Amino acid sequence: MSKKNSKTTDAIERYAKVADAIVEAGEVSDWRFSHGSSLSLRGAKTLHLLIQAAGVRITDDVEHRISYAELNKTYHLTLKELEAVVDELHTTILKLKLTREDGRSYTKSGVIIADAERDADTTAKAELRYRFSATMRKAISDSSHWAVISRKAVLAFNSKFSLRLYSLISLRANLRKTSEVFLLEDLREIMGVGSTHYKEWANFRQRCLDSAIAELNQLAGFNVGYRALKTGRSVKAVELFWGIKGQAERIEALKELERSSVGRKARREGSVELISQAEQIERHEIAQLLSGLSEH
């Protein structure tokens, strides 16, 4: 999403008081992870909460604060888990594809959090104090395209691949185009799939792509599909396509976000099974119709 002469920082200010809105710079939505590293699901969720908490001052070289109570409203972290997440944000190297004012593209890399302090107690006053790195601040400061993503959806995802794909498609969902082709290796890198994991297309498709898309289609405000593009016998690229859900589907997604996560996978798989059964019935009815026509 973007508007002429509008910047991501303007969108951050505009949505600052919307509790469920997290404005994510397009450069962050599209980031790559260096050397096969990636954020865990817990790390990615925490980062989104830190981005939201920083608000309009996210591009300033200042210390931000968030209470443990705020972090744990819907996403519970022990002190040990919080320490591990902060260490992860300190050490994960990300690569951002940026564009200079003269139109030249370049890649900037760095850590996510420059430094952090965390209280060693869990009282009401306990908080995490943190400062974003120059890489993050530069990317957001210069950004002119963004996605407004749902905090509830971010916290609801059970797969880091789902969350990465959600950010990727959210950035594109309101544009005129409804599909985009990604080289397979590029898509793997964006989704944070390690270079040594799910190397075969069949494994990547089943364990990462199919499961992520199923979760997106249950929880997001859009539907996603894909088509594998082959060169010879090998899949070399993937075309992702998407479309905004109709009102009834969007309402159902919102209801699902309000429901307990217990039973969510079963509800999702039940929906898939019902669709599959409906398609089988439709194919059977078409076959019967064609058979009847051939007899005349």
Foldseek 3Di string as FASTA:
>chain_A
DFDPPAALLVVLQVCLPPVFWQKFFPQRLQKFWPQLADAFLLLVLVVSVVSSQCGSCQLPQDKTKDAQCVVVVPHHDDPVRVVVSVVCQQPTKMKTWDADPVGDIDIDIDGFWPDKDWDPDRDRPTMIITGGDNVVSVSRVPGRFIFIGTSLLSSLDPGLLLNSVRSNVRRVAPPPDFKDKDFPVSSCRSSSGGCVPQVAPVSCCVVRVVVSQLSCQQADQKHKDKDFDDDPPGGGMIMMGMHGDDPVSNVRNVVLSVDDSVCVVVVSVVVVVVVVVVVVVVVVVVVVVVVVVVVD
